[in-house]
C-alpha atoms as a PDB file:
ATOM      1  CA  MET A   1      -3.650 -33.492  15.359  1.00  0.00           C
ATOM      2  CA  ARG A   2      -3.857 -37.157  16.525  1.00  0.00           C
ATOM      3  CA  LEU A   3      -6.370 -39.099  18.503  1.00  0.00           C
ATOM      4  CA  MET A   4      -5.126 -42.215  20.251  1.00  0.00           C
ATOM      5  CA  ASN A   5      -7.552 -43.888  22.682  1.00  0.00           C
ATOM      6  CA  GLU A   6      -9.183 -40.550  23.486  1.00  0.00           C
ATOM      7  CA  VAL A   7      -5.816 -38.762  24.029  1.00  0.00           C
ATOM      8  CA  LYS A   8      -5.603 -35.886  21.570  1.00  0.00           C
ATOM      9  CA  ILE A   9      -2.365 -34.160  20.732  1.00  0.00           C
ATOM     10  CA  ASP A  10      -3.165 -30.598  19.619  1.00  0.00           C
ATOM     11  CA  LYS A  11       0.346 -29.663  18.492  1.00  0.00           C
ATOM     12  CA  ILE A  12       3.852 -31.165  18.044  1.00  0.00           C
ATOM     13  CA  ILE A  13       6.669 -28.735  17.987  1.00  0.00           C
ATOM     14  CA  ARG A  14       9.965 -30.192  16.797  1.00  0.00           C
ATOM     15  CA  SER A  15      13.314 -28.502  17.394  1.00  0.00           C
ATOM     16  CA  LYS A  16      16.980 -29.150  18.257  1.00  0.00           C
ATOM     17  CA  ARG A  17      16.068 -29.948  21.796  1.00  0.00           C
ATOM     18  CA  LYS A  18      17.365 -33.323  23.320  1.00  0.00           C
ATOM     19  CA  THR A  19      14.329 -34.243  25.428  1.00  0.00           C
ATOM     20  CA  ILE A  20      10.532 -34.399  25.039  1.00  0.00           C
ATOM     21  CA  ALA A  21       8.352 -32.073  26.989  1.00  0.00           C
ATOM     22  CA  LEU A  22       4.562 -32.647  27.453  1.00  0.00           C
ATOM     23  CA  ILE A  23       2.530 -29.529  28.214  1.00  0.00           C
ATOM     24  CA  VAL A  24      -1.118 -28.806  28.905  1.00  0.00           C
ATOM     25  CA  SER A  25      -1.562 -25.126  28.195  1.00  0.00           C
ATOM     26  CA  ALA A  26      -3.894 -22.704  29.970  1.00  0.00           C
ATOM     27  CA  ASP A  27      -6.434 -23.207  27.287  1.00  0.00           C
ATOM     28  CA  ALA A  28      -6.409 -27.052  27.814  1.00  0.00           C
ATOM     29  CA  MET A  29      -4.367 -27.747  24.636  1.00  0.00           C
ATOM     30  CA  VAL A  30      -1.955 -30.745  24.651  1.00  0.00           C
ATOM     31  CA  VAL A  31       1.391 -29.668  23.239  1.00  0.00           C
ATOM     32  CA  VAL A  32       4.454 -31.888  22.746  1.00  0.00           C
ATOM     33  CA  ARG A  33       7.939 -30.453  22.152  1.00  0.00           C
ATOM     34  CA  ALA A  34      10.198 -33.090  20.769  1.00  0.00           C
ATOM     35  CA  PRO A  35      13.616 -33.483  18.939  1.00  0.00           C
ATOM     36  CA  PHE A  36      13.414 -33.422  15.225  1.00  0.00           C
ATOM     37  CA  ARG A  37      13.920 -37.156  14.540  1.00  0.00           C
ATOM     38  CA  THR A  38      11.609 -38.466  17.350  1.00  0.00           C
ATOM     39  CA  PRO A  39       9.136 -40.978  15.749  1.00  0.00           C
ATOM     40  CA  LEU A  40       5.472 -40.005  15.855  1.00  0.00           C
ATOM     41  CA  ARG A  41       4.639 -43.399  17.326  1.00  0.00           C
ATOM     42  CA  TYR A  42       7.018 -42.883  20.230  1.00  0.00           C
ATOM     43  CA  ILE A  43       5.327 -39.434  20.970  1.00  0.00           C
ATOM     44  CA  GLU A  44       1.956 -40.990  20.788  1.00  0.00           C
ATOM     45  CA  LYS A  45       2.991 -43.848  23.129  1.00  0.00           C
ATOM     46  CA  LEU A  46       4.474 -41.394  25.627  1.00  0.00           C
ATOM     47  CA  VAL A  47       1.246 -39.292  25.707  1.00  0.00           C
ATOM     48  CA  PHE A  48      -0.971 -42.316  26.097  1.00  0.00           C
ATOM     49  CA  GLN A  49       1.322 -43.427  29.113  1.00  0.00           C
ATOM     50  CA  LYS A  50       0.627 -39.989  30.558  1.00  0.00           C
ATOM     51  CA  ARG A  51      -3.072 -40.008  29.707  1.00  0.00           C
ATOM     52  CA  PHE A  52      -4.206 -39.654  33.328  1.00  0.00           C
ATOM     53  CA  TRP A  53      -1.961 -36.810  34.023  1.00  0.00           C
ATOM     54  CA  VAL A  54      -3.100 -35.133  30.848  1.00  0.00           C
ATOM     55  CA  ALA A  55      -6.784 -35.658  31.814  1.00  0.00           C
ATOM     56  CA  LYS A  56      -6.110 -34.077  35.223  1.00  0.00           C
ATOM     57  CA  LYS A  57      -4.430 -31.004  33.753  1.00  0.00           C
ATOM     58  CA  LYS A  58      -7.040 -30.524  31.171  1.00  0.00           C
ATOM     59  CA  LYS A  59      -9.745 -30.609  33.727  1.00  0.00           C
ATOM     60  CA  GLN A  60      -7.915 -28.108  35.870  1.00  0.00           C
ATOM     61  CA  ALA A  61      -7.534 -25.734  32.939  1.00  0.00           C
ATOM     62  CA  LEU A  62     -11.143 -26.024  31.867  1.00  0.00           C
ATOM     63  CA  ARG A  63     -12.260 -25.486  35.508  1.00  0.00           C
ATOM     64  CA  ASN A  64     -10.125 -22.358  35.913  1.00  0.00           C
ATOM     65  CA  GLY A  65     -11.464 -20.953  32.623  1.00  0.00           C
ATOM     66  CA  VAL A  66      -9.584 -19.815  29.478  1.00  0.00           C
ATOM     67  CA  PRO A  67      -8.100 -16.407  29.792  1.00  0.00           C
ATOM     68  CA  VAL A  68      -8.981 -14.106  26.887  1.00  0.00           C
ATOM     69  CA  ASN A  69      -5.291 -13.736  25.909  1.00  0.00           C
ATOM     70  CA  ALA A  70      -4.024 -17.164  27.104  1.00  0.00           C
ATOM     71  CA  LYS A  71      -0.417 -17.672  25.866  1.00  0.00           C
ATOM     72  CA  LYS A  72       0.745 -21.027  24.450  1.00  0.00           C
ATOM     73  CA  PHE A  73       4.425 -20.250  24.924  1.00  0.00           C
ATOM     74  CA  VAL A  74       5.565 -21.161  21.333  1.00  0.00           C
ATOM     75  CA  ASP A  75       8.190 -19.560  19.036  1.00  0.00           C
ATOM     76  CA  GLY A  76       6.966 -16.316  17.523  1.00  0.00           C
ATOM     77  CA  GLU A  77       4.261 -15.627  20.080  1.00  0.00           C
ATOM     78  CA  GLU A  78       4.160 -11.974  21.028  1.00  0.00           C
ATOM     79  CA  PHE A  79       4.495 -10.585  24.632  1.00  0.00           C
ATOM     80  CA  LEU A  80       4.208  -7.031  25.686  1.00  0.00           C
ATOM     81  CA  TYR A  81       6.902  -5.134  27.636  1.00  0.00           C
ATOM     82  CA  LEU A  82       6.697  -1.292  28.202  1.00  0.00           C
ATOM     83  CA  GLY A  83       4.153  -1.083  25.413  1.00  0.00           C
ATOM     84  CA  GLU A  84       6.308  -2.811  22.849  1.00  0.00           C
ATOM     85  CA  LYS A  85       5.673  -6.295  21.417  1.00  0.00           C
ATOM     86  CA  TYR A  86       8.473  -8.936  21.532  1.00  0.00           C
ATOM     87  CA  LYS A  87       8.426 -12.221  19.839  1.00  0.00           C
ATOM     88  CA  LEU A  88       9.160 -15.260  22.024  1.00  0.00           C
ATOM     89  CA  LYS A  89      12.128 -17.420  21.178  1.00  0.00           C
ATOM     90  CA  ILE A  90      12.498 -20.689  23.035  1.00  0.00           C
ATOM     91  CA  GLU A  91      16.212 -21.243  23.868  1.00  0.00           C
ATOM     92  CA  ASN A  92      18.509 -23.427  25.970  1.00  0.00           C
ATOM     93  CA  CYS A  93      19.181 -20.526  28.438  1.00  0.00           C
ATOM     94  CA  GLU A  94      19.003 -20.221  32.153  1.00  0.00           C
ATOM     95  CA  ASP A  95      16.533 -17.419  32.542  1.00  0.00           C
ATOM     96  CA  VAL A  96      14.155 -15.030  30.654  1.00  0.00           C
ATOM     97  CA  LYS A  97      16.189 -12.525  28.736  1.00  0.00           C
ATOM     98  CA  LEU A  98      14.928  -9.357  26.741  1.00  0.00           C
ATOM     99  CA  ALA A  99      16.921  -8.317  23.628  1.00  0.00           C
ATOM    100  CA  ASP A 100      15.756  -8.388  19.967  1.00  0.00           C
ATOM    101  CA  TYR A 101      13.560 -11.306  21.065  1.00  0.00           C
ATOM    102  CA  LEU A 102      12.087 -12.457  24.415  1.00  0.00           C
ATOM    103  CA  TYR A 103      14.192 -15.467  25.093  1.00  0.00           C
ATOM    104  CA  PHE A 104      12.598 -18.111  27.202  1.00  0.00           C
ATOM    105  CA  PRO A 105      14.253 -21.250  28.675  1.00  0.00           C
ATOM    106  CA  GLU A 106      12.993 -24.602  27.445  1.00  0.00           C
ATOM    107  CA  THR A 107      13.115 -25.847  30.952  1.00  0.00           C
ATOM    108  CA  TYR A 108      10.358 -23.408  31.934  1.00  0.00           C
ATOM    109  CA  LEU A 109       7.832 -24.567  29.351  1.00  0.00           C
ATOM    110  CA  SER A 110       6.100 -27.015  31.677  1.00  0.00           C
ATOM    111  CA  ASN A 111       5.284 -23.999  33.963  1.00  0.00           C
ATOM    112  CA  GLY A 112       5.471 -21.265  31.413  1.00  0.00           C
ATOM    113  CA  GLN A 113       2.876 -18.852  32.710  1.00  0.00           C
ATOM    114  CA  THR A 114       4.204 -18.950  36.326  1.00  0.00           C
ATOM    115  CA  LYS A 115       7.735 -18.334  35.155  1.00  0.00           C
ATOM    116  CA  MET A 116       6.867 -15.558  32.858  1.00  0.00           C
ATOM    117  CA  ILE A 117       4.872 -13.839  35.598  1.00  0.00           C
ATOM    118  CA  GLU A 118       7.857 -14.127  38.005  1.00  0.00           C
ATOM    119  CA  TRP A 119      10.016 -12.332  35.297  1.00  0.00           C
ATOM    120  CA  TYR A 120       7.378  -9.657  34.771  1.00  0.00           C
ATOM    121  CA  ARG A 121       7.059  -9.085  38.562  1.00  0.00           C
ATOM    122  CA  GLN A 122      10.871  -8.586  38.933  1.00  0.00           C
ATOM    123  CA  LYS A 123      10.919  -6.134  36.029  1.00  0.00           C
ATOM    124  CA  ALA A 124       7.868  -4.361  37.296  1.00  0.00           C
ATOM    125  CA  LEU A 125       9.490  -3.825  40.723  1.00  0.00           C
ATOM    126  CA  GLU A 126      12.598  -2.430  39.181  1.00  0.00           C
ATOM    127  CA  LYS A 127      10.863  -0.117  36.664  1.00  0.00           C
ATOM    128  CA  ILE A 128       7.979   0.977  38.938  1.00  0.00           C
ATOM    129  CA  THR A 129      10.438   1.789  41.834  1.00  0.00           C
ATOM    130  CA  GLU A 130      12.521   3.876  39.421  1.00  0.00           C
ATOM    131  CA  ARG A 131       9.392   5.875  38.205  1.00  0.00           C
ATOM    132  CA  VAL A 132       7.945   6.331  41.741  1.00  0.00           C
ATOM    133  CA  ASN A 133      11.310   7.642  42.998  1.00  0.00           C
ATOM    134  CA  LEU A 134      11.447  10.081  40.168  1.00  0.00           C
ATOM    135  CA  TYR A 135       7.912  11.490  40.950  1.00  0.00           C
ATOM    136  CA  ASN A 136       8.628  11.408  44.674  1.00  0.00           C
ATOM    137  CA  GLN A 137      11.558  13.746  44.084  1.00  0.00           C
ATOM    138  CA  ILE A 138       9.420  16.061  42.023  1.00  0.00           C
ATOM    139  CA  SER A 139       6.349  16.068  44.312  1.00  0.00           C
ATOM    140  CA  GLY A 140       7.916  15.615  47.741  1.00  0.00           C
ATOM    141  CA  TRP A 141       5.211  13.034  48.699  1.00  0.00           C
ATOM    142  CA  LYS A 142       7.066  10.523  50.866  1.00  0.00           C
ATOM    143  CA  PHE A 143       5.969   6.868  50.598  1.00  0.00           C
ATOM    144  CA  LYS A 144       6.885   4.086  53.008  1.00  0.00           C
ATOM    145  CA  SER A 145       7.331   1.120  50.653  1.00  0.00           C
ATOM    146  CA  ILE A 146       6.606  -0.382  47.164  1.00  0.00           C
ATOM    147  CA  SER A 147       5.271  -3.929  46.544  1.00  0.00           C
ATOM    148  CA  ILE A 148       4.143  -5.725  43.398  1.00  0.00           C
ATOM    149  CA  THR A 149       0.763  -7.574  43.436  1.00  0.00           C
ATOM    150  CA  CYS A 150      -1.198  -9.951  41.302  1.00  0.00           C
ATOM    151  CA  ALA A 151      -4.165  -7.599  41.212  1.00  0.00           C
ATOM    152  CA  ASN A 152      -6.320  -7.973  38.015  1.00  0.00           C
ATOM    153  CA  LYS A 153      -8.811  -5.210  38.708  1.00  0.00           C
ATOM    154  CA  ARG A 154      -6.630  -2.406  40.298  1.00  0.00           C
ATOM    155  CA  TRP A 155      -3.437  -0.907  38.834  1.00  0.00           C
ATOM    156  CA  GLY A 156      -2.382   0.403  42.167  1.00  0.00           C
ATOM    157  CA  SER A 157      -3.291   1.300  45.660  1.00  0.00           C
ATOM    158  CA  CYS A 158      -1.975   3.309  48.542  1.00  0.00           C
ATOM    159  CA  SER A 159      -2.461   2.298  52.210  1.00  0.00           C
ATOM    160  CA  PRO A 160      -3.210   4.899  54.913  1.00  0.00           C
ATOM    161  CA  ASN A 161       0.406   4.722  56.121  1.00  0.00           C
ATOM    162  CA  GLY A 162       2.009   5.323  52.627  1.00  0.00           C
ATOM    163  CA  MET A 163       2.600   1.707  51.404  1.00  0.00           C
ATOM    164  CA  LEU A 164       2.221   1.642  47.594  1.00  0.00           C
ATOM    165  CA  ASN A 165       1.090  -1.486  45.757  1.00  0.00           C
ATOM    166  CA  PHE A 166       1.111  -1.975  41.942  1.00  0.00           C
ATOM    167  CA  SER A 167      -0.070  -4.774  39.664  1.00  0.00           C
ATOM    168  CA  TRP A 168       2.788  -6.630  37.868  1.00  0.00           C
ATOM    169  CA  ARG A 169       0.714  -6.223  34.671  1.00  0.00           C
ATOM    170  CA  LEU A 170       1.612  -2.514  34.489  1.00  0.00           C
ATOM    171  CA  ILE A 171       5.070  -3.605  33.159  1.00  0.00           C
ATOM    172  CA  MET A 172       3.368  -4.387  29.900  1.00  0.00           C
ATOM    173  CA  ALA A 173       2.006  -0.904  29.441  1.00  0.00           C
ATOM    174  CA  PRO A 174       3.850   2.057  27.903  1.00  0.00           C
ATOM    175  CA  ILE A 175       5.954   4.045  30.302  1.00  0.00           C
ATOM    176  CA  ALA A 176       3.556   7.033  30.264  1.00  0.00           C
ATOM    177  CA  ALA A 177       0.718   4.836  31.644  1.00  0.00           C
ATOM    178  CA  ILE A 178       3.161   3.501  34.405  1.00  0.00           C
ATOM    179  CA  ASP A 179       4.027   7.137  35.182  1.00  0.00           C
ATOM    180  CA  TYR A 180       0.347   8.046  35.560  1.00  0.00           C
ATOM    181  CA  VAL A 181      -0.355   5.143  37.940  1.00  0.00           C
ATOM    182  CA  ALA A 182       2.729   6.058  39.978  1.00  0.00           C
ATOM    183  CA  VAL A 183       1.696   9.669  40.356  1.00  0.00           C
ATOM    184  CA  HIS A 184      -1.897   8.618  41.093  1.00  0.00           C
ATOM    185  CA  GLU A 185      -0.925   6.464  43.984  1.00  0.00           C
ATOM    186  CA  LEU A 186       1.676   9.024  45.273  1.00  0.00           C
ATOM    187  CA  ALA A 187      -1.034  11.686  45.300  1.00  0.00           C
ATOM    188  CA  HIS A 188      -3.086   9.568  47.730  1.00  0.00           C
ATOM    189  CA  ILE A 189      -0.439  10.200  50.307  1.00  0.00           C
ATOM    190  CA  PRO A 190      -1.594  13.853  50.863  1.00  0.00           C
ATOM    191  CA  GLU A 191      -5.203  13.200  49.562  1.00  0.00           C
ATOM    192  CA  LYS A 192      -6.795  10.002  50.598  1.00  0.00           C
ATOM    193  CA  ASN A 193      -9.804  10.274  48.288  1.00  0.00           C
ATOM    194  CA  HIS A 194     -10.593  11.354  44.668  1.00  0.00           C
ATOM    195  CA  SER A 195     -11.620  14.848  45.309  1.00  0.00           C
ATOM    196  CA  SER A 196     -10.929  17.835  43.107  1.00  0.00           C
ATOM    197  CA  ARG A 197      -7.863  18.543  45.324  1.00  0.00           C
ATOM    198  CA  PHE A 198      -6.606  15.075  44.578  1.00  0.00           C
ATOM    199  CA  TRP A 199      -6.948  15.362  40.780  1.00  0.00           C
ATOM    200  CA  ASN A 200      -5.384  18.970  40.873  1.00  0.00           C
ATOM    201  CA  LYS A 201      -2.330  17.466  42.632  1.00  0.00           C
ATOM    202  CA  VAL A 202      -2.156  14.715  39.927  1.00  0.00           C
ATOM    203  CA  ARG A 203      -2.559  17.189  37.161  1.00  0.00           C
ATOM    204  CA  ALA A 204       0.143  19.555  38.600  1.00  0.00           C
ATOM    205  CA  ILE A 205       2.737  16.649  38.457  1.00  0.00           C
ATOM    206  CA  PHE A 206       1.502  14.746  35.428  1.00  0.00           C
ATOM    207  CA  PRO A 207      -0.624  17.032  33.118  1.00  0.00           C
ATOM    208  CA  ASP A 208      -1.339  14.144  30.637  1.00  0.00           C
ATOM    209  CA  TYR A 209      -3.020  11.942  33.206  1.00  0.00           C
ATOM    210  CA  LYS A 210      -6.427  11.923  31.471  1.00  0.00           C
ATOM    211  CA  ASN A 211      -5.043  10.433  28.211  1.00  0.00           C
ATOM    212  CA  GLN A 212      -3.137   7.773  30.203  1.00  0.00           C
ATOM    213  CA  ARG A 213      -6.125   6.933  32.292  1.00  0.00           C
ATOM    214  CA  LYS A 214      -8.162   6.554  29.103  1.00  0.00           C
ATOM    215  CA  TRP A 215      -5.512   4.322  27.541  1.00  0.00           C
ATOM    216  CA  LEU A 216      -5.593   1.992  30.524  1.00  0.00           C
ATOM    217  CA  ARG A 217      -9.387   1.763  30.420  1.00  0.00           C
ATOM    218  CA  GLU A 218      -9.346   1.016  26.734  1.00  0.00           C
ATOM    219  CA  ASN A 219      -6.395  -1.430  26.592  1.00  0.00           C
ATOM    220  CA  GLY A 220      -6.093  -2.787  30.177  1.00  0.00           C
ATOM    221  CA  SER A 221      -7.589  -6.049  29.206  1.00  0.00           C
ATOM    222  CA  SER A 222      -4.748  -6.761  26.817  1.00  0.00           C
ATOM    223  CA  LEU A 223      -2.224  -6.550  29.554  1.00  0.00           C
ATOM    224  CA  SER A 224      -2.372 -10.234  30.605  1.00  0.00           C
ATOM    225  CA  ILE A 225      -0.823 -13.558  29.697  1.00  0.00           C
END
């Protein structure tokens, strides 16, 4: 948008907010959120004063690589929850809230991805625990504990002593896909490998497992922020 002594502002977002927020997104874009009447010269001056911080953050973002679906945390951006898309709405609220929109606090914007993942992890623990308990009652396969991980390549795992681990990214998938992973990991309690006996146990509890496994293989890369 603007170039001032090698400091480029990629986007300025004006709203009813009372303060200015300077953000370097995961894809190295410089975004400024400002009150409606803030003069452009004032914004440019502020960014110039923060030029060394901006350069450092852009370098970090470029070094880490740009995620395929990197979010910018702007109004109207879509986020997945249980297979449904919700539009983000930046508000003056205390925490992330899900209703007709996905409401996101302005105060979180400087650390948007981390805050959103924290919310996803909390919801994942609640929902996955609910589903594991349901299929535990049906199957009788007793597990020891449930934990939520940041795994990118595995949806879940089961330790030899029955500790179940699930990626927080599952909370973005439809409930049927979550159920498949829950049953899959529970089935590893009696069967430690992927033998025919293992898949027979999965099928007995969750007959639609092949379709959900296929869905995760085809759509898993979209379950990220």
